[in-house]
Structures are given as C-alpha cells and as structure tokens.
Amino acid sequence: MMSYIALAACIGIALAANVEHDVKSAVNEVTTTKDGDTYCPVPLVGTKCGTSSIFHYWKCCEELNKECCFRLQTWVWVVLALFGVIFLASFVISLIRCVCCRK
C-alpha cells in the first residue's frame, strides 16, 4: 500500500513540474507581442507586408507562403473572449432573474 502512495506522489510531482512549465509558456505567449513577417516568402522576390503593431501582426500564408495575412495578437483574442464570456454571463443572469423573479 505504501509503495502505491509513493508512486502516486512521484507521478504527482512530475506532473506538477510539467504543468508549471506549461503555465509559464502560456503566460509568456499571451503577454508577448509578435513581430510578424516583413516579406513573404523572402526579401527581394517576395511581397512586402505592412508593419506590425501592438494589436496585430502579419504572417505568411496561402500557396507557397507568398501572401501576407493579417493576424491579431494573442492578448487581443484573450480580451475579446473575456468580454464575450462576461456579456454571455450577464445575459443569462438577466434572463434567469426575469423568469424566476417575476411577481
């Protein structure tokens, strides 16, 4: 019985270390802004992309990576998702209050 507990503790410690690394990389992904590509596919023969900002960046896409595609920064997606969740939650709570608290 004690060996099972020791095995479970070792597995828990190993998973905790892996989760910590995953959380750090996720936080790093959200808090950093990407510079993006400046030419697609390569300078001299490629298309010049626009300049990146704090809100967006450019990434090579389409056939042979020859087109510049507009992408939003990760933190913008997180903020938009957060606003969506808050809006949806307030709508559902208002609907529940309207149905349940009617006199």
PDB file of N, CA and C in Angstrom:
ATOM      1  N   MET A   1       0.825  -1.192   0.000  1.00  0.00           N
ATOM      2  CA  MET A   1       0.000   0.000   0.000  1.00  0.00           C
ATOM      3  C   MET A   1       0.866   1.251   0.000  1.00  0.00           C
ATOM      4  N   MET A   2       1.929   1.235   0.785  1.00  0.00           N
ATOM      5  CA  MET A   2       2.806   2.391   0.881  1.00  0.00           C
ATOM      6  C   MET A   2       3.525   2.642  -0.439  1.00  0.00           C
ATOM      7  N   SER A   3       3.827   1.585  -1.191  1.00  0.00           N
ATOM      8  CA  SER A   3       4.505   1.752  -2.477  1.00  0.00           C
ATOM      9  C   SER A   3       3.586   2.442  -3.491  1.00  0.00           C
ATOM     10  N   TYR A   4       2.274   2.172  -3.432  1.00  0.00           N
ATOM     11  CA  TYR A   4       1.326   2.838  -4.317  1.00  0.00           C
ATOM     12  C   TYR A   4       1.243   4.330  -4.003  1.00  0.00           C
ATOM     13  N   ILE A   5       1.273   4.660  -2.736  1.00  0.00           N
ATOM     14  CA  ILE A   5       1.232   6.071  -2.338  1.00  0.00           C
ATOM     15  C   ILE A   5       2.507   6.786  -2.787  1.00  0.00           C
ATOM     16  N   ALA A   6       3.635   6.126  -2.641  1.00  0.00           N
ATOM     17  CA  ALA A   6       4.901   6.714  -3.082  1.00  0.00           C
ATOM     18  C   ALA A   6       4.908   6.892  -4.598  1.00  0.00           C
ATOM     19  N   LEU A   7       4.389   5.911  -5.333  1.00  0.00           N
ATOM     20  CA  LEU A   7       4.306   6.004  -6.792  1.00  0.00           C
ATOM     21  C   LEU A   7       3.383   7.149  -7.198  1.00  0.00           C
ATOM     22  N   ALA A   8       2.251   7.280  -6.534  1.00  0.00           N
ATOM     23  CA  ALA A   8       1.321   8.364  -6.838  1.00  0.00           C
ATOM     24  C   ALA A   8       1.950   9.725  -6.532  1.00  0.00           C
ATOM     25  N   ALA A   9       2.711   9.814  -5.463  1.00  0.00           N
ATOM     26  CA  ALA A   9       3.376  11.066  -5.112  1.00  0.00           C
ATOM     27  C   ALA A   9       4.422  11.429  -6.162  1.00  0.00           C
ATOM     28  N   CYS A  10       5.190  10.455  -6.621  1.00  0.00           N
ATOM     29  CA  CYS A  10       6.191  10.721  -7.663  1.00  0.00           C
ATOM     30  C   CYS A  10       5.537  11.178  -8.959  1.00  0.00           C
ATOM     31  N   ILE A  11       4.449  10.540  -9.347  1.00  0.00           N
ATOM     32  CA  ILE A  11       3.736  10.932 -10.558  1.00  0.00           C
ATOM     33  C   ILE A  11       3.164  12.333 -10.388  1.00  0.00           C
ATOM     34  N   GLY A  12       2.620  12.632  -9.220  1.00  0.00           N
ATOM     35  CA  GLY A  12       2.076  13.960  -8.955  1.00  0.00           C
ATOM     36  C   GLY A  12       3.130  15.043  -9.041  1.00  0.00           C
ATOM     37  N   ILE A  13       4.306  14.773  -8.505  1.00  0.00           N
ATOM     38  CA  ILE A  13       5.392  15.752  -8.564  1.00  0.00           C
ATOM     39  C   ILE A  13       5.848  15.961 -10.010  1.00  0.00           C
ATOM     40  N   ALA A  14       5.940  14.890 -10.761  1.00  0.00           N
ATOM     41  CA  ALA A  14       6.354  15.004 -12.163  1.00  0.00           C
ATOM     42  C   ALA A  14       5.327  15.784 -12.978  1.00  0.00           C
ATOM     43  N   LEU A  15       4.055  15.534 -12.760  1.00  0.00           N
ATOM     44  CA  LEU A  15       3.008  16.257 -13.474  1.00  0.00           C
ATOM     45  C   LEU A  15       2.952  17.718 -13.053  1.00  0.00           C
ATOM     46  N   ALA A  16       3.195  17.994 -11.782  1.00  0.00           N
ATOM     47  CA  ALA A  16       3.186  19.376 -11.294  1.00  0.00           C
ATOM     48  C   ALA A  16       4.299  20.181 -11.946  1.00  0.00           C
ATOM     49  N   ALA A  17       5.450  19.586 -12.121  1.00  0.00           N
ATOM     50  CA  ALA A  17       6.563  20.280 -12.781  1.00  0.00           C
ATOM     51  C   ALA A  17       6.209  20.561 -14.233  1.00  0.00           C
ATOM     52  N   ASN A  18       5.580  19.620 -14.908  1.00  0.00           N
ATOM     53  CA  ASN A  18       5.189  19.795 -16.298  1.00  0.00           C
ATOM     54  C   ASN A  18       4.101  20.863 -16.420  1.00  0.00           C
ATOM     55  N   VAL A  19       3.141  20.883 -15.503  1.00  0.00           N
ATOM     56  CA  VAL A  19       2.078  21.879 -15.525  1.00  0.00           C
ATOM     57  C   VAL A  19       2.655  23.271 -15.306  1.00  0.00           C
ATOM     58  N   GLU A  20       3.623  23.390 -14.414  1.00  0.00           N
ATOM     59  CA  GLU A  20       4.251  24.686 -14.160  1.00  0.00           C
ATOM     60  C   GLU A  20       4.915  25.210 -15.427  1.00  0.00           C
ATOM     61  N   HIS A  21       5.595  24.353 -16.155  1.00  0.00           N
ATOM     62  CA  HIS A  21       6.230  24.759 -17.411  1.00  0.00           C
ATOM     63  C   HIS A  21       5.177  25.173 -18.434  1.00  0.00           C
ATOM     64  N   ASP A  22       4.068  24.424 -18.526  1.00  0.00           N
ATOM     65  CA  ASP A  22       3.005  24.760 -19.463  1.00  0.00           C
ATOM     66  C   ASP A  22       2.357  26.097 -19.129  1.00  0.00           C
ATOM     67  N   VAL A  23       2.149  26.352 -17.840  1.00  0.00           N
ATOM     68  CA  VAL A  23       1.550  27.619 -17.425  1.00  0.00           C
ATOM     69  C   VAL A  23       2.478  28.774 -17.748  1.00  0.00           C
ATOM     70  N   LYS A  24       3.770  28.612 -17.492  1.00  0.00           N
ATOM     71  CA  LYS A  24       4.732  29.665 -17.803  1.00  0.00           C
ATOM     72  C   LYS A  24       4.756  29.954 -19.300  1.00  0.00           C
ATOM     73  N   SER A  25       4.742  28.919 -20.123  1.00  0.00           N
ATOM     74  CA  SER A  25       4.774  29.141 -21.571  1.00  0.00           C
ATOM     75  C   SER A  25       3.473  29.775 -22.061  1.00  0.00           C
ATOM     76  N   ALA A  26       2.337  29.419 -21.463  1.00  0.00           N
ATOM     77  CA  ALA A  26       1.062  30.034 -21.851  1.00  0.00           C
ATOM     78  C   ALA A  26       1.024  31.507 -21.472  1.00  0.00           C
ATOM     79  N   VAL A  27       1.501  31.835 -20.279  1.00  0.00           N
ATOM     80  CA  VAL A  27       1.548  33.234 -19.849  1.00  0.00           C
ATOM     81  C   VAL A  27       2.503  34.016 -20.734  1.00  0.00           C
ATOM     82  N   ASN A  28       3.629  33.428 -21.082  1.00  0.00           N
ATOM     83  CA  ASN A  28       4.592  34.083 -21.963  1.00  0.00           C
ATOM     84  C   ASN A  28       3.979  34.328 -23.339  1.00  0.00           C
ATOM     85  N   GLU A  29       3.203  33.388 -23.844  1.00  0.00           N
ATOM     86  CA  GLU A  29       2.555  33.519 -25.148  1.00  0.00           C
ATOM     87  C   GLU A  29       1.560  34.680 -25.150  1.00  0.00           C
ATOM     88  N   VAL A  30       0.801  34.821 -24.070  1.00  0.00           N
ATOM     89  CA  VAL A  30      -0.237  35.854 -24.009  1.00  0.00           C
ATOM     90  C   VAL A  30       0.371  37.237 -23.796  1.00  0.00           C
ATOM     91  N   THR A  31       1.431  37.326 -23.026  1.00  0.00           N
ATOM     92  CA  THR A  31       1.959  38.637 -22.659  1.00  0.00           C
ATOM     93  C   THR A  31       2.990  39.199 -23.628  1.00  0.00           C
ATOM     94  N   THR A  32       3.435  38.425 -24.602  1.00  0.00           N
ATOM     95  CA  THR A  32       4.398  38.950 -25.568  1.00  0.00           C
ATOM     96  C   THR A  32       3.689  39.257 -26.884  1.00  0.00           C
ATOM     97  N   THR A  33       4.172  40.254 -27.583  1.00  0.00           N
ATOM     98  CA  THR A  33       3.626  40.584 -28.892  1.00  0.00           C
ATOM     99  C   THR A  33       4.553  40.032 -29.963  1.00  0.00           C
ATOM    100  N   LYS A  34       3.968  39.588 -31.058  1.00  0.00           N
ATOM    101  CA  LYS A  34       4.746  39.014 -32.142  1.00  0.00           C
ATOM    102  C   LYS A  34       5.108  40.109 -33.140  1.00  0.00           C
ATOM    103  N   ASP A  35       6.306  40.014 -33.697  1.00  0.00           N
ATOM    104  CA  ASP A  35       6.742  40.989 -34.687  1.00  0.00           C
ATOM    105  C   ASP A  35       6.168  40.683 -36.065  1.00  0.00           C
ATOM    106  N   GLY A  36       6.008  39.425 -36.377  1.00  0.00           N
ATOM    107  CA  GLY A  36       5.467  39.036 -37.664  1.00  0.00           C
ATOM    108  C   GLY A  36       6.510  39.059 -38.762  1.00  0.00           C
ATOM    109  N   ASP A  37       6.095  38.668 -39.951  1.00  0.00           N
ATOM    110  CA  ASP A  37       6.980  38.612 -41.102  1.00  0.00           C
ATOM    111  C   ASP A  37       6.948  39.952 -41.839  1.00  0.00           C
ATOM    112  N   THR A  38       8.076  40.336 -42.432  1.00  0.00           N
ATOM    113  CA  THR A  38       8.129  41.589 -43.185  1.00  0.00           C
ATOM    114  C   THR A  38       8.048  41.346 -44.688  1.00  0.00           C
ATOM    115  N   TYR A  39       8.512  40.203 -45.143  1.00  0.00           N
ATOM    116  CA  TYR A  39       8.419  39.829 -46.551  1.00  0.00           C
ATOM    117  C   TYR A  39       7.917  38.397 -46.653  1.00  0.00           C
ATOM    118  N   CYS A  40       7.070  38.151 -47.633  1.00  0.00           N
ATOM    119  CA  CYS A  40       6.583  36.788 -47.855  1.00  0.00           C
ATOM    120  C   CYS A  40       6.859  36.395 -49.285  1.00  0.00           C
ATOM    121  N   PRO A  41       7.527  35.319 -49.590  1.00  0.00           N
ATOM    122  CA  PRO A  41       8.197  34.396 -48.694  1.00  0.00           C
ATOM    123  C   PRO A  41       9.577  34.866 -48.270  1.00  0.00           C
ATOM    124  N   VAL A  42      10.315  35.598 -49.134  1.00  0.00           N
ATOM    125  CA  VAL A  42      11.669  36.059 -48.790  1.00  0.00           C
ATOM    126  C   VAL A  42      11.862  37.473 -49.320  1.00  0.00           C
ATOM    127  N   PRO A  43      12.819  38.231 -48.768  1.00  0.00           N
ATOM    128  CA  PRO A  43      13.095  39.572 -49.306  1.00  0.00           C
ATOM    129  C   PRO A  43      13.572  39.506 -50.762  1.00  0.00           C
ATOM    130  N   LEU A  44      13.458  40.588 -51.455  1.00  0.00           N
ATOM    131  CA  LEU A  44      13.852  40.788 -52.861  1.00  0.00           C
ATOM    132  C   LEU A  44      12.853  40.205 -53.850  1.00  0.00           C
ATOM    133  N   VAL A  45      12.321  39.014 -53.617  1.00  0.00           N
ATOM    134  CA  VAL A  45      11.367  38.426 -54.560  1.00  0.00           C
ATOM    135  C   VAL A  45       9.971  38.293 -53.958  1.00  0.00           C
ATOM    136  N   GLY A  46       9.811  38.634 -52.712  1.00  0.00           N
ATOM    137  CA  GLY A  46       8.532  38.445 -52.052  1.00  0.00           C
ATOM    138  C   GLY A  46       7.715  39.718 -51.939  1.00  0.00           C
ATOM    139  N   THR A  47       6.526  39.570 -51.397  1.00  0.00           N
ATOM    140  CA  THR A  47       5.629  40.686 -51.144  1.00  0.00           C
ATOM    141  C   THR A  47       5.995  41.332 -49.821  1.00  0.00           C
ATOM    142  N   LYS A  48       6.034  42.668 -49.788  1.00  0.00           N
ATOM    143  CA  LYS A  48       6.340  43.370 -48.541  1.00  0.00           C
ATOM    144  C   LYS A  48       5.058  43.488 -47.726  1.00  0.00           C
ATOM    145  N   CYS A  49       5.128  43.023 -46.494  1.00  0.00           N
ATOM    146  CA  CYS A  49       3.987  43.107 -45.593  1.00  0.00           C
ATOM    147  C   CYS A  49       3.999  44.455 -44.879  1.00  0.00           C
ATOM    148  N   GLY A  50       2.870  44.806 -44.284  1.00  0.00           N
ATOM    149  CA  GLY A  50       2.790  46.035 -43.511  1.00  0.00           C
ATOM    150  C   GLY A  50       3.563  45.906 -42.201  1.00  0.00           C
ATOM    151  N   THR A  51       3.598  46.983 -41.457  1.00  0.00           N
ATOM    152  CA  THR A  51       4.282  46.945 -40.170  1.00  0.00           C
ATOM    153  C   THR A  51       3.354  46.406 -39.101  1.00  0.00           C
ATOM    154  N   SER A  52       3.907  45.692 -38.160  1.00  0.00           N
ATOM    155  CA  SER A  52       3.128  45.131 -37.062  1.00  0.00           C
ATOM    156  C   SER A  52       2.892  46.202 -36.006  1.00  0.00           C
ATOM    157  N   SER A  53       1.877  45.992 -35.194  1.00  0.00           N
ATOM    158  CA  SER A  53       1.597  46.918 -34.096  1.00  0.00           C
ATOM    159  C   SER A  53       1.350  46.111 -32.829  1.00  0.00           C
ATOM    160  N   ILE A  54       0.942  46.795 -31.788  1.00  0.00           N
ATOM    161  CA  ILE A  54       0.659  46.119 -30.527  1.00  0.00           C
ATOM    162  C   ILE A  54      -0.618  45.277 -30.640  1.00  0.00           C
ATOM    163  N   PHE A  55      -1.468  45.583 -31.622  1.00  0.00           N
ATOM    164  CA  PHE A  55      -2.740  44.890 -31.782  1.00  0.00           C
ATOM    165  C   PHE A  55      -2.718  43.801 -32.857  1.00  0.00           C
ATOM    166  N   HIS A  56      -1.835  43.892 -33.844  1.00  0.00           N
ATOM    167  CA  HIS A  56      -1.828  42.917 -34.935  1.00  0.00           C
ATOM    168  C   HIS A  56      -0.400  42.671 -35.436  1.00  0.00           C
ATOM    169  N   TYR A  57      -0.283  41.640 -36.266  1.00  0.00           N
ATOM    170  CA  TYR A  57       0.983  41.321 -36.948  1.00  0.00           C
ATOM    171  C   TYR A  57       0.652  40.643 -38.261  1.00  0.00           C
ATOM    172  N   TRP A  58       1.656  40.456 -39.094  1.00  0.00           N
ATOM    173  CA  TRP A  58       1.486  39.815 -40.402  1.00  0.00           C
ATOM    174  C   TRP A  58       2.181  38.460 -40.412  1.00  0.00           C
ATOM    175  N   LYS A  59       1.559  37.506 -41.085  1.00  0.00           N
ATOM    176  CA  LYS A  59       2.126  36.161 -41.181  1.00  0.00           C
ATOM    177  C   LYS A  59       1.994  35.693 -42.620  1.00  0.00           C
ATOM    178  N   CYS A  60       2.997  34.987 -43.100  1.00  0.00           N
ATOM    179  CA  CYS A  60       2.952  34.448 -44.460  1.00  0.00           C
ATOM    180  C   CYS A  60       1.960  33.289 -44.526  1.00  0.00           C
ATOM    181  N   CYS A  61       1.140  33.275 -45.589  1.00  0.00           N
ATOM    182  CA  CYS A  61       0.128  32.221 -45.717  1.00  0.00           C
ATOM    183  C   CYS A  61      -0.165  31.983 -47.202  1.00  0.00           C
ATOM    184  N   GLU A  62      -1.228  31.247 -47.457  1.00  0.00           N
ATOM    185  CA  GLU A  62      -1.676  30.874 -48.796  1.00  0.00           C
ATOM    186  C   GLU A  62      -0.691  29.913 -49.459  1.00  0.00           C
ATOM    187  N   GLU A  63      -0.763  29.802 -50.775  1.00  0.00           N
ATOM    188  CA  GLU A  63       0.108  28.890 -51.506  1.00  0.00           C
ATOM    189  C   GLU A  63       1.555  29.375 -51.457  1.00  0.00           C
ATOM    190  N   LEU A  64       2.444  28.505 -51.117  1.00  0.00           N
ATOM    191  CA  LEU A  64       3.879  28.765 -51.072  1.00  0.00           C
ATOM    192  C   LEU A  64       4.253  29.922 -50.142  1.00  0.00           C
ATOM    193  N   ASN A  65       3.406  30.232 -49.199  1.00  0.00           N
ATOM    194  CA  ASN A  65       3.638  31.331 -48.236  1.00  0.00           C
ATOM    195  C   ASN A  65       3.976  32.640 -48.936  1.00  0.00           C
ATOM    196  N   LYS A  66       3.277  32.960 -50.014  1.00  0.00           N
ATOM    197  CA  LYS A  66       3.605  34.170 -50.763  1.00  0.00           C
ATOM    198  C   LYS A  66       2.669  35.341 -50.483  1.00  0.00           C
ATOM    199  N   GLU A  67       1.663  35.169 -49.649  1.00  0.00           N
ATOM    200  CA  GLU A  67       0.729  36.234 -49.307  1.00  0.00           C
ATOM    201  C   GLU A  67       0.913  36.655 -47.858  1.00  0.00           C
ATOM    202  N   CYS A  68       0.659  37.922 -47.560  1.00  0.00           N
ATOM    203  CA  CYS A  68       0.709  38.435 -46.189  1.00  0.00           C
ATOM    204  C   CYS A  68      -0.703  38.368 -45.600  1.00  0.00           C
ATOM    205  N   CYS A  69      -0.842  37.699 -44.477  1.00  0.00           N
ATOM    206  CA  CYS A  69      -2.140  37.575 -43.835  1.00  0.00           C
ATOM    207  C   CYS A  69      -2.146  38.317 -42.502  1.00  0.00           C
ATOM    208  N   PHE A  70      -3.232  39.018 -42.249  1.00  0.00           N
ATOM    209  CA  PHE A  70      -3.423  39.809 -41.041  1.00  0.00           C
ATOM    210  C   PHE A  70      -3.774  38.874 -39.889  1.00  0.00           C
ATOM    211  N   ARG A  71      -3.103  39.025 -38.749  1.00  0.00           N
ATOM    212  CA  ARG A  71      -3.374  38.224 -37.557  1.00  0.00           C
ATOM    213  C   ARG A  71      -3.441  39.145 -36.342  1.00  0.00           C
ATOM    214  N   LEU A  72      -4.379  38.859 -35.436  1.00  0.00           N
ATOM    215  CA  LEU A  72      -4.465  39.605 -34.188  1.00  0.00           C
ATOM    216  C   LEU A  72      -3.497  39.020 -33.174  1.00  0.00           C
ATOM    217  N   GLN A  73      -2.950  39.883 -32.326  1.00  0.00           N
ATOM    218  CA  GLN A  73      -2.069  39.420 -31.254  1.00  0.00           C
ATOM    219  C   GLN A  73      -2.870  38.532 -30.296  1.00  0.00           C
ATOM    220  N   THR A  74      -2.195  37.645 -29.598  1.00  0.00           N
ATOM    221  CA  THR A  74      -2.848  36.694 -28.707  1.00  0.00           C
ATOM    222  C   THR A  74      -3.607  37.390 -27.592  1.00  0.00           C
ATOM    223  N   TRP A  75      -3.042  38.462 -27.046  1.00  0.00           N
ATOM    224  CA  TRP A  75      -3.712  39.134 -25.934  1.00  0.00           C
ATOM    225  C   TRP A  75      -5.026  39.773 -26.385  1.00  0.00           C
ATOM    226  N   VAL A  76      -5.127  40.170 -27.659  1.00  0.00           N
ATOM    227  CA  VAL A  76      -6.377  40.728 -28.167  1.00  0.00           C
ATOM    228  C   VAL A  76      -7.452  39.654 -28.183  1.00  0.00           C
ATOM    229  N   TRP A  77      -7.087  38.436 -28.601  1.00  0.00           N
ATOM    230  CA  TRP A  77      -8.044  37.326 -28.592  1.00  0.00           C
ATOM    231  C   TRP A  77      -8.504  37.009 -27.176  1.00  0.00           C
ATOM    232  N   VAL A  78      -7.582  37.071 -26.216  1.00  0.00           N
ATOM    233  CA  VAL A  78      -7.939  36.793 -24.820  1.00  0.00           C
ATOM    234  C   VAL A  78      -8.926  37.842 -24.307  1.00  0.00           C
ATOM    235  N   VAL A  79      -8.671  39.116 -24.601  1.00  0.00           N
ATOM    236  CA  VAL A  79      -9.573  40.186 -24.154  1.00  0.00           C
ATOM    237  C   VAL A  79     -10.940  40.052 -24.820  1.00  0.00           C
ATOM    238  N   LEU A  80     -10.980  39.761 -26.118  1.00  0.00           N
ATOM    239  CA  LEU A  80     -12.257  39.572 -26.806  1.00  0.00           C
ATOM    240  C   LEU A  80     -13.041  38.396 -26.228  1.00  0.00           C
ATOM    241  N   ALA A  81     -12.348  37.292 -25.930  1.00  0.00           N
ATOM    242  CA  ALA A  81     -13.010  36.138 -25.326  1.00  0.00           C
ATOM    243  C   ALA A  81     -13.545  36.475 -23.938  1.00  0.00           C
ATOM    244  N   LEU A  82     -12.781  37.226 -23.165  1.00  0.00           N
ATOM    245  CA  LEU A  82     -13.213  37.630 -21.830  1.00  0.00           C
ATOM    246  C   LEU A  82     -14.461  38.511 -21.904  1.00  0.00           C
ATOM    247  N   PHE A  83     -14.474  39.471 -22.823  1.00  0.00           N
ATOM    248  CA  PHE A  83     -15.668  40.300 -23.000  1.00  0.00           C
ATOM    249  C   PHE A  83     -16.865  39.463 -23.426  1.00  0.00           C
ATOM    250  N   GLY A  84     -16.649  38.486 -24.296  1.00  0.00           N
ATOM    251  CA  GLY A  84     -17.733  37.603 -24.725  1.00  0.00           C
ATOM    252  C   GLY A  84     -18.302  36.796 -23.571  1.00  0.00           C
ATOM    253  N   VAL A  85     -17.436  36.262 -22.723  1.00  0.00           N
ATOM    254  CA  VAL A  85     -17.893  35.478 -21.569  1.00  0.00           C
ATOM    255  C   VAL A  85     -18.665  36.364 -20.602  1.00  0.00           C
ATOM    256  N   ILE A  86     -18.169  37.576 -20.352  1.00  0.00           N
ATOM    257  CA  ILE A  86     -18.867  38.497 -19.444  1.00  0.00           C
ATOM    258  C   ILE A  86     -20.233  38.874 -20.017  1.00  0.00           C
ATOM    259  N   PHE A  87     -20.299  39.162 -21.310  1.00  0.00           N
ATOM    260  CA  PHE A  87     -21.569  39.508 -21.941  1.00  0.00           C
ATOM    261  C   PHE A  87     -22.552  38.349 -21.865  1.00  0.00           C
ATOM    262  N   LEU A  88     -22.099  37.150 -22.193  1.00  0.00           N
ATOM    263  CA  LEU A  88     -22.970  35.979 -22.157  1.00  0.00           C
ATOM    264  C   LEU A  88     -23.455  35.691 -20.744  1.00  0.00           C
ATOM    265  N   ALA A  89     -22.568  35.790 -19.758  1.00  0.00           N
ATOM    266  CA  ALA A  89     -22.953  35.546 -18.372  1.00  0.00           C
ATOM    267  C   ALA A  89     -23.974  36.576 -17.900  1.00  0.00           C
ATOM    268  N   SER A  90     -23.778  37.845 -18.252  1.00  0.00           N
ATOM    269  CA  SER A  90     -24.735  38.861 -17.831  1.00  0.00           C
ATOM    270  C   SER A  90     -26.081  38.664 -18.507  1.00  0.00           C
ATOM    271  N   PHE A  91     -26.091  38.221 -19.760  1.00  0.00           N
ATOM    272  CA  PHE A  91     -27.342  37.936 -20.456  1.00  0.00           C
ATOM    273  C   PHE A  91     -28.083  36.781 -19.799  1.00  0.00           C
ATOM    274  N   VAL A  92     -27.373  35.703 -19.497  1.00  0.00           N
ATOM    275  CA  VAL A  92     -28.007  34.537 -18.873  1.00  0.00           C
ATOM    276  C   VAL A  92     -28.532  34.886 -17.480  1.00  0.00           C
ATOM    277  N   ILE A  93     -27.758  35.622 -16.700  1.00  0.00           N
ATOM    278  CA  ILE A  93     -28.199  36.005 -15.358  1.00  0.00           C
ATOM    279  C   ILE A  93     -29.419  36.917 -15.436  1.00  0.00           C
ATOM    280  N   SER A  94     -29.433  37.846 -16.381  1.00  0.00           N
ATOM    281  CA  SER A  94     -30.593  38.719 -16.549  1.00  0.00           C
ATOM    282  C   SER A  94     -31.830  37.930 -16.963  1.00  0.00           C
ATOM    283  N   LEU A  95     -31.645  36.961 -17.822  1.00  0.00           N
ATOM    284  CA  LEU A  95     -32.756  36.119 -18.253  1.00  0.00           C
ATOM    285  C   LEU A  95     -33.299  35.292 -17.091  1.00  0.00           C
ATOM    286  N   ILE A  96     -32.415  34.738 -16.283  1.00  0.00           N
ATOM    287  CA  ILE A  96     -32.846  33.952 -15.115  1.00  0.00           C
ATOM    288  C   ILE A  96     -33.583  34.842 -14.125  1.00  0.00           C
ATOM    289  N   ARG A  97     -33.073  36.046 -13.885  1.00  0.00           N
ATOM    290  CA  ARG A  97     -33.754  36.961 -12.969  1.00  0.00           C
ATOM    291  C   ARG A  97     -35.122  37.343 -13.491  1.00  0.00           C
ATOM    292  N   CYS A  98     -35.232  37.542 -14.797  1.00  0.00           N
ATOM    293  CA  CYS A  98     -36.514  37.923 -15.411  1.00  0.00           C
ATOM    294  C   CYS A  98     -37.538  36.806 -15.261  1.00  0.00           C
ATOM    295  N   VAL A  99     -37.115  35.566 -15.482  1.00  0.00           N
ATOM    296  CA  VAL A  99     -38.048  34.429 -15.410  1.00  0.00           C
ATOM    297  C   VAL A  99     -38.371  34.049 -13.986  1.00  0.00           C
ATOM    298  N   CYS A 100     -37.380  33.996 -13.111  1.00  0.00           N
ATOM    299  CA  CYS A 100     -37.566  33.495 -11.754  1.00  0.00           C
ATOM    300  C   CYS A 100     -38.102  34.538 -10.782  1.00  0.00           C
ATOM    301  N   CYS A 101     -37.834  35.793 -10.984  1.00  0.00           N
ATOM    302  CA  CYS A 101     -38.198  36.813 -10.004  1.00  0.00           C
ATOM    303  C   CYS A 101     -39.435  37.614 -10.407  1.00  0.00           C
ATOM    304  N   ARG A 102     -40.163  37.131 -11.381  1.00  0.00           N
ATOM    305  CA  ARG A 102     -41.362  37.813 -11.826  1.00  0.00           C
ATOM    306  C   ARG A 102     -42.442  37.640 -10.774  1.00  0.00           C
ATOM    307  N   LYS A 103     -43.175  38.717 -10.465  1.00  0.00           N
ATOM    308  CA  LYS A 103     -44.253  38.634  -9.459  1.00  0.00           C
ATOM    309  C   LYS A 103     -45.597  38.554 -10.104  1.00  0.00           C
TER     310      LYS A 103
END
